[in-house]
Protein backbone atom coordinates (compact mmCIF):
# COMPACT_ATOMS: atom_id res chain seq x y z
CA MET A 1 0.00 0.00 0.00
CA SER A 2 1.38 3.35 -0.94
CA GLN A 3 2.36 5.97 1.59
CA ASP A 4 -0.05 8.36 -0.10
CA PHE A 5 -2.94 6.10 0.81
CA GLU A 6 -1.88 5.88 4.46
CA ILE A 7 -1.71 9.67 4.81
CA ARG A 8 -5.18 10.13 3.33
CA ASN A 9 -6.67 7.96 6.09
CA GLU A 10 -4.18 8.79 8.81
CA LEU A 11 -6.49 10.04 11.59
CA THR A 12 -8.94 7.14 11.47
CA TRP A 13 -6.24 4.47 11.67
CA LYS A 14 -4.21 6.33 14.30
CA VAL A 15 -7.24 6.55 16.58
CA LEU A 16 -7.90 2.84 16.02
CA ALA A 17 -4.22 2.08 16.75
CA ALA A 18 -4.61 3.90 20.08
CA THR A 19 -6.87 1.03 21.19
CA GLY A 20 -4.18 -1.51 20.27
CA ILE A 21 -5.42 -2.32 16.75
CA ASP A 22 -2.89 -1.10 14.19
CA ILE A 23 -4.57 -1.70 10.81
CA LEU A 24 -1.60 -0.25 8.92
CA GLU A 25 0.83 -2.61 10.61
CA THR A 26 2.26 -5.14 8.18
CA ARG A 27 4.16 -8.36 8.78
CA ARG A 28 7.46 -6.68 8.06
CA ASN A 29 9.88 -6.05 10.91
CA GLU A 30 8.82 -3.06 12.95
CA SER A 31 10.72 -0.96 15.43
CA THR A 32 10.90 -2.13 19.03
CA ALA A 33 9.38 1.13 20.28
CA ARG A 34 6.40 0.88 17.92
CA SER A 35 5.79 -2.76 18.86
CA ALA A 36 5.98 -1.98 22.57
CA LEU A 37 3.61 0.97 22.18
CA ARG A 38 1.08 -1.15 20.28
CA LYS A 39 1.22 -3.94 22.89
CA SER A 40 0.84 -1.39 25.68
CA ALA A 41 -2.25 0.06 24.02
CA SER A 42 -3.73 -3.44 23.73
CA CYS A 43 -3.08 -4.15 27.41
CA VAL A 44 -4.58 -0.80 28.43
CA TYR A 45 -7.79 -1.39 26.51
CA MET A 46 -8.17 -4.94 27.87
CA PHE A 47 -7.60 -3.58 31.38
CA VAL A 48 -10.25 -0.89 30.82
CA CYS A 49 -12.76 -3.52 29.63
CA GLY A 50 -12.06 -5.71 32.67
CA LEU A 51 -12.32 -2.76 35.05
CA SER A 52 -15.53 -1.64 33.36
CA PHE A 53 -16.99 -5.12 33.78
CA LEU A 54 -16.20 -5.24 37.51
CA TYR A 55 -17.49 -1.70 38.03
CA SER A 56 -20.68 -2.56 36.14
CA VAL A 57 -21.29 -5.59 38.39
CA MET A 58 -21.04 -3.38 41.48
CA LEU A 59 -23.22 -0.76 39.82
CA LEU A 60 -25.91 -3.26 38.90
CA MET A 61 -25.86 -4.66 42.44
CA LYS A 62 -26.51 -1.13 43.62
CA PHE A 63 -29.36 -0.80 41.13
CA GLY A 64 -30.78 -4.05 42.48
CA ALA A 65 -30.80 -2.64 45.99
CA ILE A 66 -32.85 0.30 44.73
CA SER A 67 -35.24 -1.45 42.32
CA THR A 68 -35.48 -4.90 40.78
CA LYS A 69 -36.77 -3.28 37.56
CA LEU A 70 -33.53 -1.35 37.20
CA ILE A 71 -31.30 -4.40 37.48
CA LYS A 72 -33.47 -6.25 34.95
CA SER A 73 -33.21 -3.39 32.46
CA ASN A 74 -29.47 -2.76 32.99
CA VAL A 75 -28.13 -6.30 32.97
CA VAL A 76 -28.07 -5.84 29.17
CA SER A 77 -25.31 -3.25 29.59
CA LEU A 78 -23.19 -5.87 31.35
CA ILE A 79 -23.64 -8.20 28.38
CA ASN A 80 -22.75 -5.32 26.04
CA ILE A 81 -19.38 -4.93 27.73
CA LEU A 82 -18.60 -8.56 26.91
CA LEU A 83 -19.81 -8.05 23.34
CA SER A 84 -17.63 -4.95 23.04
CA PHE A 85 -14.58 -6.92 24.17
CA MET A 86 -15.46 -9.63 21.62
CA LEU A 87 -15.69 -6.87 19.00
CA TRP A 88 -12.19 -5.66 19.89
CA ILE A 89 -10.81 -9.21 19.64
CA VAL A 90 -12.47 -9.79 16.23
CA ILE A 91 -11.08 -6.54 14.80
CA TYR A 92 -7.66 -7.27 16.29
CA LYS A 93 -7.58 -10.77 14.78
CA ARG A 94 -8.68 -9.48 11.37
CA LYS A 95 -6.44 -6.42 11.16
CA PHE A 96 -4.15 -7.99 8.55
CA ILE A 97 -7.17 -9.03 6.44
CA ILE A 98 -8.61 -5.52 6.70
CA HIS A 99 -5.22 -4.13 5.67
CA GLN A 100 -5.14 -6.38 2.59
CA THR A 101 -8.71 -5.46 1.72
CA LEU A 102 -7.83 -1.75 1.85
CA VAL A 103 -4.87 -2.42 -0.44
CA LYS A 104 -7.11 -4.20 -2.96
CA LEU A 105 -9.69 -1.43 -2.89
CA HIS A 106 -6.97 1.15 -3.43
CA SER A 107 -5.39 -0.89 -6.23
CA ILE A 108 -8.61 -1.41 -8.19
CA SER A 109 -9.49 2.27 -7.82
CA VAL A 110 -6.16 3.30 -9.31
CA THR A 111 -6.28 0.64 -12.05
CA LEU A 112 -9.82 1.24 -13.30
CA PHE A 113 -10.42 4.91 -12.57
CA HIS A 114 -6.88 6.32 -12.16
CA ALA A 115 -7.91 7.80 -8.81
CA LYS A 116 -7.17 7.10 -5.17
CA LEU A 117 -9.81 5.97 -2.73
CA PRO A 118 -12.04 8.91 -1.81
CA VAL A 119 -11.51 10.83 1.40
CA PHE A 120 -14.95 11.30 2.87
CA LYS A 121 -15.98 14.68 4.14
CA HIS A 122 -16.56 15.31 7.83
CA VAL A 123 -14.69 12.14 8.91
CA LYS A 124 -12.54 14.10 11.35
CA PHE A 125 -15.63 15.82 12.73
CA ILE A 126 -17.37 12.45 13.25
CA ILE A 127 -14.32 10.97 14.99
CA PHE A 128 -13.99 13.91 17.37
CA SER A 129 -17.76 13.91 17.99
CA ILE A 130 -17.76 10.22 18.94
CA TRP A 131 -14.84 10.45 21.37
CA LEU A 132 -15.74 13.86 22.83
CA SER A 133 -19.46 13.17 23.28
CA LEU A 134 -18.89 11.09 26.43
CA PRO A 135 -16.83 13.63 28.47
CA VAL A 136 -19.15 16.41 27.28
CA TYR A 137 -22.16 14.42 28.50
CA CYS A 138 -20.45 13.84 31.87
CA LEU A 139 -19.67 17.56 32.29
CA ILE A 140 -23.26 18.57 31.46
CA ALA A 141 -24.57 15.93 33.89
CA ILE A 142 -22.36 17.30 36.68
CA ILE A 143 -23.61 20.83 35.99
CA VAL A 144 -27.25 19.67 35.99
CA VAL A 145 -26.80 17.77 39.27
CA TRP A 146 -25.00 20.68 40.88
CA ARG A 147 -27.75 23.16 39.91
CA THR A 148 -30.65 20.89 40.91
CA ASN A 149 -29.00 19.58 44.10
CA ASN A 150 -29.92 16.04 43.06
CA ASP A 151 -28.10 12.96 44.34
CA TYR A 152 -28.68 10.90 41.19
CA LEU A 153 -25.13 11.30 39.86
CA TYR A 154 -23.74 9.94 43.13
CA LEU A 155 -25.15 6.56 42.14
CA TRP A 156 -22.15 6.39 39.76
CA THR A 157 -19.86 6.55 42.82
CA LEU A 158 -21.89 3.86 44.64
CA ASP A 159 -23.36 6.49 47.00
CA SER A 160 -19.96 7.79 48.02
CA LYS A 161 -20.60 11.50 48.47
CA MET A 162 -18.17 13.63 46.49
CA ASP A 163 -17.66 17.35 46.86
CA LEU A 164 -17.69 19.21 43.56
CA ASN A 165 -14.03 20.20 43.86
CA PHE A 166 -11.30 19.18 41.42
CA LEU A 167 -10.99 15.62 42.77
CA GLY A 168 -14.75 15.15 42.96
CA VAL A 169 -15.26 16.32 39.38
CA VAL A 170 -12.51 13.97 38.15
CA VAL A 171 -14.11 11.00 39.92
CA LEU A 172 -17.59 11.90 38.66
CA LEU A 173 -16.19 12.18 35.13
CA PHE A 174 -14.28 8.90 35.38
CA CYS A 175 -17.12 6.66 36.62
CA PRO A 176 -19.67 7.11 33.77
CA THR A 177 -16.80 7.25 31.27
CA LEU A 178 -15.59 3.86 32.49
CA PHE A 179 -19.13 2.49 32.12
CA TYR A 180 -19.97 3.89 28.67
CA LEU A 181 -16.56 3.72 26.96
CA PRO A 182 -16.81 0.01 25.96
CA VAL A 183 -20.61 0.09 25.63
CA ILE A 184 -21.11 3.08 23.33
CA THR A 185 -17.95 5.02 22.42
CA PHE A 186 -15.71 2.21 21.12
CA PRO A 187 -18.52 0.35 19.23
CA SER A 188 -19.61 3.67 17.68
CA PHE A 189 -16.09 4.30 16.42
CA ILE A 190 -15.77 0.76 15.00
CA ASN A 191 -19.19 1.26 13.42
CA MET A 192 -17.84 4.36 11.66
CA VAL A 193 -14.82 2.39 10.37
CA LEU A 194 -17.15 -0.29 8.98
CA CYS A 195 -19.26 2.40 7.32
CA MET A 196 -16.11 3.77 5.65
CA LEU A 197 -15.32 0.33 4.20
CA TYR A 198 -18.88 0.00 2.92
CA ARG A 199 -18.75 3.50 1.42
CA ASN A 200 -15.45 2.74 -0.33
CA CYS A 201 -17.09 -0.24 -2.07
CA SER A 202 -20.16 1.84 -2.89
CA CYS A 203 -18.03 4.62 -4.41
CA LEU A 204 -16.13 2.13 -6.59
CA LEU A 205 -19.41 0.67 -7.87
CA SER A 206 -20.81 4.16 -8.43
CA GLN A 207 -17.75 5.17 -10.46
CA TYR A 208 -18.00 1.95 -12.46
CA ALA A 209 -21.69 2.59 -13.21
CA ALA A 210 -20.98 6.19 -14.26
CA LYS A 211 -18.20 5.11 -16.64
CA LEU A 212 -20.27 2.23 -17.99
CA ARG A 213 -23.06 4.64 -18.98
CA LEU A 214 -20.62 6.58 -21.17
CA PHE A 215 -19.99 3.60 -23.44
CA LYS A 216 -22.06 3.28 -26.57
CA PRO A 217 -22.93 -0.17 -28.01
CA GLY A 218 -20.29 0.10 -30.73
CA SER A 219 -17.47 1.44 -28.55
CA LEU A 220 -17.69 -0.85 -25.55
CA ASP A 221 -14.45 -1.73 -23.77
CA ILE A 222 -14.82 -5.46 -23.10
CA GLN A 223 -11.93 -5.48 -20.61
CA PHE A 224 -13.74 -2.87 -18.55
CA VAL A 225 -16.86 -5.05 -18.57
CA ALA A 226 -14.81 -8.05 -17.45
CA ALA A 227 -13.44 -6.00 -14.53
CA TYR A 228 -16.93 -6.10 -12.99
CA SER A 229 -16.14 -9.62 -11.77
CA THR A 230 -13.18 -8.21 -9.85
CA LEU A 231 -15.40 -5.54 -8.30
CA ILE A 232 -17.91 -8.16 -7.20
CA LYS A 233 -15.15 -10.29 -5.72
CA ILE A 234 -13.61 -7.48 -3.68
CA THR A 235 -17.07 -6.41 -2.48
CA GLU A 236 -17.78 -9.95 -1.28
CA GLU A 237 -14.41 -9.97 0.50
CA VAL A 238 -15.34 -6.75 2.28
CA ASN A 239 -18.66 -8.31 3.29
CA ASP A 240 -16.86 -11.37 4.69
CA VAL A 241 -14.43 -9.21 6.66
CA VAL A 242 -17.06 -6.81 8.00
CA SER A 243 -19.82 -9.36 8.60
CA THR A 244 -18.96 -10.45 12.16
CA PRO A 245 -18.01 -6.98 13.49
CA ALA A 246 -21.20 -5.60 11.93
CA PHE A 247 -23.25 -8.28 13.71
CA LEU A 248 -21.63 -7.46 17.07
CA CYS A 249 -22.12 -3.72 16.57
CA THR A 250 -25.76 -4.24 15.63
CA ALA A 251 -26.35 -6.45 18.69
CA ILE A 252 -24.73 -3.87 21.00
CA PHE A 253 -26.69 -0.92 19.65
CA PHE A 254 -30.03 -2.74 19.52
CA SER A 255 -29.67 -4.00 23.09
CA GLN A 256 -28.56 -0.54 24.22
CA MET A 257 -31.63 1.01 22.59
CA LEU A 258 -33.73 -1.66 24.29
CA THR A 259 -32.13 -0.75 27.64
CA SER A 260 -32.85 2.95 27.12
CA LEU A 261 -36.43 2.06 26.21
CA ALA A 262 -36.77 0.02 29.40
CA TRP A 263 -35.37 2.90 31.47
CA THR A 264 -37.84 5.27 29.83
CA PHE A 265 -40.98 3.27 30.60
CA LEU A 266 -40.04 1.30 33.73
CA THR A 267 -38.92 4.39 35.66
CA SER A 268 -41.49 6.88 34.37
CA GLY A 269 -42.37 9.57 36.89
CA LYS A 270 -39.25 8.82 39.01
CA ARG A 271 -36.53 10.31 36.84
CA SER A 272 -34.47 13.39 37.52
CA ALA A 273 -33.04 15.77 34.91
CA ALA A 274 -29.68 13.98 35.04
CA HIS A 275 -31.44 10.64 34.53
CA ASN A 276 -33.24 11.99 31.45
CA LEU A 277 -29.94 13.36 30.14
CA GLU A 278 -28.32 9.92 30.44
CA ILE A 279 -31.19 8.26 28.55
CA ALA A 280 -31.01 10.93 25.84
CA TYR A 281 -27.24 10.48 25.40
CA ALA A 282 -27.35 6.67 25.24
CA SER A 283 -30.38 6.66 22.92
CA THR A 284 -28.97 9.25 20.53
CA MET A 285 -25.60 7.54 20.11
CA SER A 286 -27.19 4.10 19.73
CA VAL A 287 -29.81 5.19 17.19
CA LEU A 288 -27.35 7.11 15.02
CA SER A 289 -24.89 4.22 14.95
CA ALA A 290 -27.56 1.55 14.42
CA VAL A 291 -29.06 3.41 11.45
CA SER A 292 -25.83 4.54 9.76
CA LEU A 293 -24.44 1.03 9.20
CA PRO A 294 -27.39 -0.43 7.20
CA LEU A 295 -27.75 2.83 5.24
CA ALA A 296 -24.08 2.71 4.21
CA ALA A 297 -24.28 -1.00 3.33
CA SER A 298 -27.54 -0.68 1.38
CA THR A 299 -25.95 1.75 -1.10
CA ILE A 300 -23.76 -1.13 -2.34
CA THR A 301 -26.81 -3.19 -3.27
CA ILE A 302 -28.43 -0.21 -5.01
CA GLU A 303 -25.34 0.57 -7.10
CA ALA A 304 -24.85 -3.10 -8.00
CA ARG A 305 -28.44 -3.34 -9.24
CA LYS A 306 -27.93 -0.29 -11.47
CA ILE A 307 -24.83 -1.89 -12.99
CA LYS A 308 -26.63 -5.18 -13.49
CA LEU A 309 -29.48 -3.50 -15.38
CA LYS A 310 -27.03 -1.64 -17.61
CA LEU A 311 -25.05 -4.82 -18.34
CA GLU A 312 -28.24 -6.71 -19.21
CA ARG A 313 -29.17 -4.00 -21.74
CA LEU A 314 -25.67 -4.08 -23.21
CA TYR A 315 -25.87 -7.87 -23.48
CA GLU A 316 -29.23 -7.71 -25.27
CA ASN A 317 -27.89 -5.10 -27.69
CA SER A 318 -24.77 -7.16 -28.38
CA LEU A 319 -26.90 -10.15 -29.41
CA MET A 320 -28.38 -8.06 -32.22
CA ASP A 321 -25.04 -6.56 -33.28
CA PRO A 322 -23.23 -8.79 -35.85
CA ALA A 323 -19.96 -6.90 -35.29
CA VAL A 324 -19.62 -8.26 -31.73
CA ASN A 325 -17.74 -11.58 -31.58
CA VAL A 326 -18.90 -14.58 -29.59
CA GLN A 327 -16.19 -14.30 -26.93
CA ASP A 328 -17.22 -10.74 -26.06
CA ILE A 329 -20.86 -11.81 -25.88
CA LYS A 330 -19.95 -14.54 -23.38
CA ILE A 331 -18.04 -12.06 -21.22
CA MET A 332 -21.03 -9.69 -21.15
CA GLN A 333 -23.34 -12.61 -20.46
CA ASN A 334 -21.26 -13.72 -17.47
CA ALA A 335 -21.15 -10.16 -16.13
CA ALA A 336 -24.90 -9.66 -16.57
CA ARG A 337 -25.68 -12.93 -14.80
CA LYS A 338 -23.71 -12.10 -11.68
CA LYS A 339 -25.90 -12.54 -8.63
CA ASN A 340 -27.13 -9.48 -6.76
CA ILE A 341 -24.90 -8.35 -3.92
CA GLU A 342 -26.53 -8.40 -0.49
CA MET A 343 -24.50 -7.12 2.43
CA SER A 344 -25.25 -8.99 5.63
CA ALA A 345 -24.17 -9.51 9.22
CA CYS A 346 -23.25 -13.20 9.48
CA HIS A 347 -26.07 -13.98 7.00
CA VAL A 348 -28.53 -13.29 9.82
CA LEU A 349 -29.28 -9.62 9.21
CA TYR A 350 -29.43 -8.35 5.64
CA PHE A 351 -28.79 -4.63 5.31
CA ASN A 352 -31.28 -2.83 3.10
CA ARG A 353 -33.39 0.29 3.25
CA GLY A 354 -36.18 -1.57 5.03
CA TYR A 355 -33.89 -2.68 7.85
CA ALA A 356 -34.12 0.65 9.68
CA LEU A 357 -37.94 0.54 9.48
CA ALA A 358 -37.95 -3.03 10.85
CA LEU A 359 -35.60 -1.94 13.66
CA PHE A 360 -37.86 0.87 14.82
CA GLY A 361 -40.89 -1.39 14.42
CA ALA A 362 -39.31 -3.87 16.83
CA LEU A 363 -38.51 -1.10 19.32
CA PHE A 364 -42.11 0.15 19.08
CA THR A 365 -43.36 -3.35 19.87
CA TYR A 366 -41.06 -3.66 22.88
CA GLY A 367 -42.14 -0.19 24.01
CA LEU A 368 -45.77 -1.32 24.12
CA LEU A 369 -44.67 -4.39 26.08
CA PHE A 370 -42.84 -2.27 28.65
CA ILE A 371 -45.88 -0.01 29.02
CA ASN A 372 -48.04 -3.04 29.81
CA ILE A 373 -45.45 -4.36 32.29
CA ASN A 374 -45.27 -1.00 34.03
CA ALA A 375 -49.07 -0.80 34.21
């Protein structure tokens, strides 16, 4: 992979490397300092996940002492921490495959369209928004609690009263950050990385469709048509690489939305302003992440269908054109008969435009169930 390509995606991969997953690391010999830094980052993230799990157990025990409904609705967050750690392991194990996939995407973009992979707008803004949203939420929650004189935030410190001095603010910032970092922040960032891979495939297919429309029946480049098989192959490789992480991300965000829904209906009339702020933060991050992934993946299917229709028309026209030889007709026939691409998460969830509607339909159904339970 060229150095130019690394620079164009530098921030995304550096942030990911900070969690111990260096996508741009190759199997060549690396410096001792770089290797030690990467291993240290891996150990730090695993330690944070373990500490978050233990803290969450104590927190849920405290919830149980207050209300059995709260521990039933928040045990999902404990499972999400385990799923988040599984997500980290899957990405770590597949980092070399992801690296090779990026190389192939870059290579085919340069070969077919003489252009590098696109740099998407607002990526830096999204990265900073994901990682800064959690400390910003914690600061706003501290301000709300301080102004309303409410003891809700002290539940994060297991009822240990903290003065709002420097040490108290640090502790009150650290506790919810430790809880939500593996549950929302890290999965949201991985979700954005997966969306970038999907969008790279979608852009390649879109460029191919745009160039294919420029060809007239008599001036068709048969080698360009044959390259569609390569595009399909690399897209399927991306789907295989992304499938398991996408499934874990979807499971985390859906269960987190379910937890927020349970908090909303099972504690109605008993919530403080800080409690409502927490539900709003968790719900917003989960909904945005859960919707963005299927929307990014569904564009691949849409672009592939456009190409398929165009290739079918070209194939039909070539059958009536005596100037086209038999070998070229067979190549167009094979390209036109390629199966439709469907991006999925472990062949359990298929990402299309209707997925988001089905997701909110399921949440609406569970919302009615929680209302009946609360009644």
